[in-house]
Amino acid sequence: MKSKPRIRGLYAIADTQYLSDAGLAAAAAQAIAGGARVLQYRDKKGDDARRRHQAAELLALGRRHGVPLLINDDVALALEVGADGVHLGREDARLSEARAQLGAAALIGVSCYNELARALAAQTQGADYVAFGSFFPSRTKPQAVRAGLELLRAAKRKLRIPIVAIGGITPENGASLIAAGADALAVIEGVFGQADVRAAAERYVRLFHPPVS
């Protein structure tokens, strides 16, 4: 079986809250051009036909550039369009159910908020990565629980799978998360809420390749 890509670098979340239907694919293409290594499709608006079309469009884009597409929350949609995987929150399908439906090759990530025990359990159950946050105030999820740098440090010591940080991350505060143990930074507004999506993505990517002094 082909080995799975390891989650790392800029994890760009294409959220239709910030993107028009007409501009979704073009913005995602700019994020990839700027160096995004993972793309997630996040849509909370409903309309199954539109969601299938958009997910398939983003999947084709990702395949052209070697960037995996994950679907937020929706295992059925991921299965229907043949996405590379899914990201699961607390209220979504169980990891074991998602794995049974999507197969061993799928990338499955789990939101762990500020809970290291949840991350350890997810690793045991076969998650490919875990996500912690919110680390900073976020307009996307203003009521999200807050996670701290010490959680990242502890997780780095105890986990073998990649760690994704999410929540209010900017090019100015992201370096501290990487230093504490984040393998990837998941960003919505900081990339897709900007006038120049490619340039915004590049600013995050540079955090993973700091200049040598």
Protein backbone atom coordinates (compact mmCIF):
# COMPACT_ATOMS: atom_id res chain seq x y z
CA MET A 1 0.00 0.00 0.00
CA LYS A 2 1.23 3.49 -0.86
CA SER A 3 2.49 5.32 2.21
CA LYS A 4 0.38 8.21 3.46
CA PRO A 5 1.68 11.75 3.37
CA ARG A 6 2.67 12.99 6.82
CA ILE A 7 0.80 16.09 7.89
CA ARG A 8 3.15 19.06 8.21
CA GLY A 9 3.57 22.68 7.20
CA LEU A 10 0.68 24.96 6.31
CA TYR A 11 -2.71 23.25 6.63
CA ALA A 12 -5.07 25.55 4.74
CA ILE A 13 -8.76 25.28 5.58
CA ALA A 14 -10.94 26.48 2.70
CA ASP A 15 -14.01 27.58 4.64
CA THR A 16 -16.98 28.79 2.62
CA GLN A 17 -17.69 31.31 5.37
CA TYR A 18 -14.80 33.31 3.89
CA LEU A 19 -14.99 32.25 0.24
CA SER A 20 -17.63 32.70 -2.43
CA ASP A 21 -18.72 29.72 -4.48
CA ALA A 22 -17.17 31.30 -7.57
CA GLY A 23 -13.88 32.07 -5.86
CA LEU A 24 -13.37 28.89 -3.82
CA ALA A 25 -11.22 26.88 -6.22
CA ALA A 26 -9.14 29.88 -7.33
CA ALA A 27 -8.39 30.80 -3.72
CA ALA A 28 -7.45 27.21 -2.89
CA ALA A 29 -5.14 27.17 -5.92
CA GLN A 30 -3.45 30.33 -4.65
CA ALA A 31 -2.97 28.80 -1.19
CA ILE A 32 -1.31 25.78 -2.75
CA ALA A 33 0.84 28.03 -4.93
CA GLY A 34 1.91 29.77 -1.73
CA GLY A 35 3.05 26.49 -0.23
CA ALA A 36 0.10 24.91 1.57
CA ARG A 37 0.82 21.21 2.14
CA VAL A 38 -2.70 20.14 3.16
CA LEU A 39 -6.13 21.41 2.08
CA GLN A 40 -9.35 20.98 4.03
CA TYR A 41 -12.84 21.71 2.71
CA ARG A 42 -15.08 23.17 5.41
CA ASP A 43 -18.69 24.06 4.65
CA LYS A 44 -21.54 24.55 7.11
CA LYS A 45 -24.13 25.89 4.66
CA GLY A 46 -25.80 22.67 3.53
CA ASP A 47 -26.88 22.05 -0.08
CA ASP A 48 -25.54 18.59 -0.83
CA ALA A 49 -25.20 19.05 -4.61
CA ARG A 50 -23.11 22.19 -4.21
CA ARG A 51 -20.94 20.57 -1.56
CA ARG A 52 -20.28 17.54 -3.76
CA HIS A 53 -19.31 19.78 -6.67
CA GLN A 54 -16.98 21.94 -4.58
CA ALA A 55 -15.34 19.00 -2.84
CA ALA A 56 -14.72 17.24 -6.15
CA GLU A 57 -13.29 20.44 -7.63
CA LEU A 58 -10.88 20.88 -4.70
CA LEU A 59 -9.92 17.22 -4.82
CA ALA A 60 -8.99 17.49 -8.50
CA LEU A 61 -6.95 20.59 -7.71
CA GLY A 62 -5.14 18.85 -4.88
CA ARG A 63 -4.38 15.81 -7.01
CA ARG A 64 -2.79 17.99 -9.68
CA HIS A 65 -0.41 19.43 -7.11
CA GLY A 66 0.15 16.47 -4.81
CA VAL A 67 -1.75 18.09 -1.92
CA PRO A 68 -4.19 15.89 0.03
CA LEU A 69 -7.79 17.08 0.45
CA LEU A 70 -9.56 16.36 3.71
CA ILE A 71 -13.26 16.94 4.33
CA ASN A 72 -14.34 18.61 7.55
CA ASP A 73 -16.83 16.54 9.55
CA ASP A 74 -18.52 14.68 6.69
CA VAL A 75 -17.42 11.06 6.22
CA ALA A 76 -20.17 10.38 3.67
CA LEU A 77 -19.03 13.27 1.47
CA ALA A 78 -15.41 12.19 1.74
CA LEU A 79 -16.39 8.70 0.66
CA GLU A 80 -18.61 9.92 -2.18
CA VAL A 81 -16.00 12.13 -3.84
CA GLY A 82 -13.01 9.92 -3.01
CA ALA A 83 -11.28 12.51 -0.84
CA ASP A 84 -7.96 11.71 0.78
CA GLY A 85 -9.46 11.77 4.25
CA VAL A 86 -11.58 13.48 6.84
CA HIS A 87 -11.24 15.64 9.93
CA LEU A 88 -13.45 14.74 12.89
CA GLY A 89 -14.67 16.85 15.79
CA ARG A 90 -16.32 15.82 19.03
CA GLU A 91 -19.82 15.69 17.55
CA ASP A 92 -18.86 13.86 14.35
CA ALA A 93 -18.55 10.19 13.46
CA ARG A 94 -16.38 7.99 15.64
CA LEU A 95 -12.87 7.40 14.36
CA SER A 96 -13.44 3.66 14.09
CA GLU A 97 -16.56 4.21 11.99
CA ALA A 98 -14.76 6.64 9.70
CA ARG A 99 -11.88 4.21 9.26
CA ALA A 100 -14.24 1.36 8.46
CA GLN A 101 -15.93 3.43 5.76
CA LEU A 102 -12.90 5.19 4.26
CA GLY A 103 -10.31 2.44 4.54
CA ALA A 104 -6.76 2.13 5.80
CA ALA A 105 -5.33 4.54 3.22
CA ALA A 106 -7.46 7.50 4.33
CA LEU A 107 -5.98 10.32 6.38
CA ILE A 108 -8.07 10.83 9.50
CA GLY A 109 -7.50 13.67 11.92
CA VAL A 110 -9.21 14.35 15.23
CA SER A 111 -9.87 17.62 17.03
CA CYS A 112 -8.61 17.34 20.60
CA TYR A 113 -9.19 20.92 21.78
CA ASN A 114 -7.13 21.22 25.01
CA GLU A 115 -7.27 17.54 25.94
CA LEU A 116 -4.08 15.49 25.80
CA ALA A 117 -5.94 12.36 26.95
CA ARG A 118 -8.25 12.63 23.95
CA ALA A 119 -5.23 12.88 21.67
CA LEU A 120 -3.57 9.83 23.21
CA ALA A 121 -6.79 7.87 22.76
CA ALA A 122 -7.08 9.01 19.15
CA GLN A 123 -3.53 7.86 18.47
CA THR A 124 -4.30 4.45 19.96
CA GLN A 125 -7.42 4.21 17.79
CA GLY A 126 -5.45 4.88 14.61
CA ALA A 127 -5.70 8.63 13.97
CA ASP A 128 -3.15 9.96 11.49
CA TYR A 129 -2.87 13.31 13.27
CA VAL A 130 -4.47 15.29 16.07
CA ALA A 131 -5.33 18.98 16.30
CA PHE A 132 -5.22 21.18 19.39
CA GLY A 133 -6.64 24.67 19.89
CA SER A 134 -7.78 27.36 19.91
CA PHE A 135 -4.40 28.84 20.83
CA PHE A 136 -5.45 32.43 20.20
CA PRO A 137 -8.78 34.26 19.83
CA SER A 138 -10.54 33.18 16.65
CA ARG A 139 -13.40 34.83 14.78
CA THR A 140 -14.31 31.49 13.21
CA LYS A 141 -14.92 29.88 16.61
CA PRO A 142 -15.05 32.67 19.19
CA GLN A 143 -16.31 30.36 21.94
CA ALA A 144 -13.63 27.69 21.45
CA VAL A 145 -11.72 26.43 24.49
CA ARG A 146 -8.21 27.76 24.80
CA ALA A 147 -5.07 25.63 24.60
CA GLY A 148 -1.57 26.64 25.68
CA LEU A 149 2.02 26.08 24.66
CA GLU A 150 2.64 23.65 27.51
CA LEU A 151 0.00 21.36 26.03
CA LEU A 152 1.95 21.29 22.77
CA ARG A 153 5.18 20.52 24.60
CA ALA A 154 3.56 17.67 26.54
CA ALA A 155 1.90 16.31 23.41
CA LYS A 156 5.21 16.37 21.53
CA ARG A 157 6.77 14.25 24.25
CA LYS A 158 3.98 11.67 24.28
CA LEU A 159 2.62 11.43 20.74
CA ARG A 160 4.13 9.73 17.70
CA ILE A 161 1.67 11.18 15.18
CA PRO A 162 1.73 14.74 13.81
CA ILE A 163 0.32 17.60 15.85
CA VAL A 164 -1.69 20.39 14.24
CA ALA A 165 -2.25 23.73 15.97
CA ILE A 166 -5.35 25.78 15.15
CA GLY A 167 -7.12 28.91 16.26
CA GLY A 168 -6.27 32.54 15.62
CA ILE A 169 -2.82 31.73 14.25
CA THR A 170 -1.01 34.54 12.44
CA PRO A 171 2.43 34.83 10.84
CA GLU A 172 3.41 36.80 13.95
CA ASN A 173 2.40 34.22 16.58
CA GLY A 174 2.78 30.97 14.65
CA ALA A 175 6.51 30.50 15.25
CA SER A 176 5.92 29.99 18.98
CA LEU A 177 3.60 27.06 18.22
CA ILE A 178 6.12 25.40 15.92
CA ALA A 179 8.84 25.83 18.53
CA ALA A 180 6.58 24.20 21.13
CA GLY A 181 5.95 21.16 18.95
CA ALA A 182 3.34 21.84 16.26
CA ASP A 183 4.09 20.00 13.02
CA ALA A 184 1.46 21.95 11.11
CA LEU A 185 -0.47 25.20 11.45
CA ALA A 186 -4.14 25.08 10.45
CA VAL A 187 -5.32 28.44 9.19
CA ILE A 188 -8.60 29.76 7.82
CA GLU A 189 -8.96 33.54 7.94
CA GLY A 190 -5.23 34.22 8.02
CA VAL A 191 -5.00 32.76 4.51
CA PHE A 192 -8.45 32.87 2.92
CA GLY A 193 -9.59 36.09 4.55
CA GLN A 194 -6.70 38.02 3.00
CA ALA A 195 -6.68 40.04 -0.21
CA ASP A 196 -3.61 38.17 -1.54
CA VAL A 197 -4.09 34.52 -0.62
CA ARG A 198 -0.81 33.33 -2.11
CA ALA A 199 1.26 35.94 -0.29
CA ALA A 200 -0.58 35.16 2.96
CA ALA A 201 0.19 31.46 2.59
CA GLU A 202 3.85 32.21 1.88
CA ARG A 203 4.14 34.13 5.16
CA TYR A 204 3.08 31.04 7.10
CA VAL A 205 5.27 28.71 5.08
CA ARG A 206 8.34 30.81 5.90
CA LEU A 207 7.78 30.07 9.60
CA PHE A 208 8.75 26.45 8.91
CA HIS A 209 11.97 27.53 7.17
CA PRO A 210 13.47 30.27 9.32
CA PRO A 211 16.57 32.01 7.93
CA VAL A 212 19.90 30.69 9.17
CA SER A 213 21.70 33.32 11.24
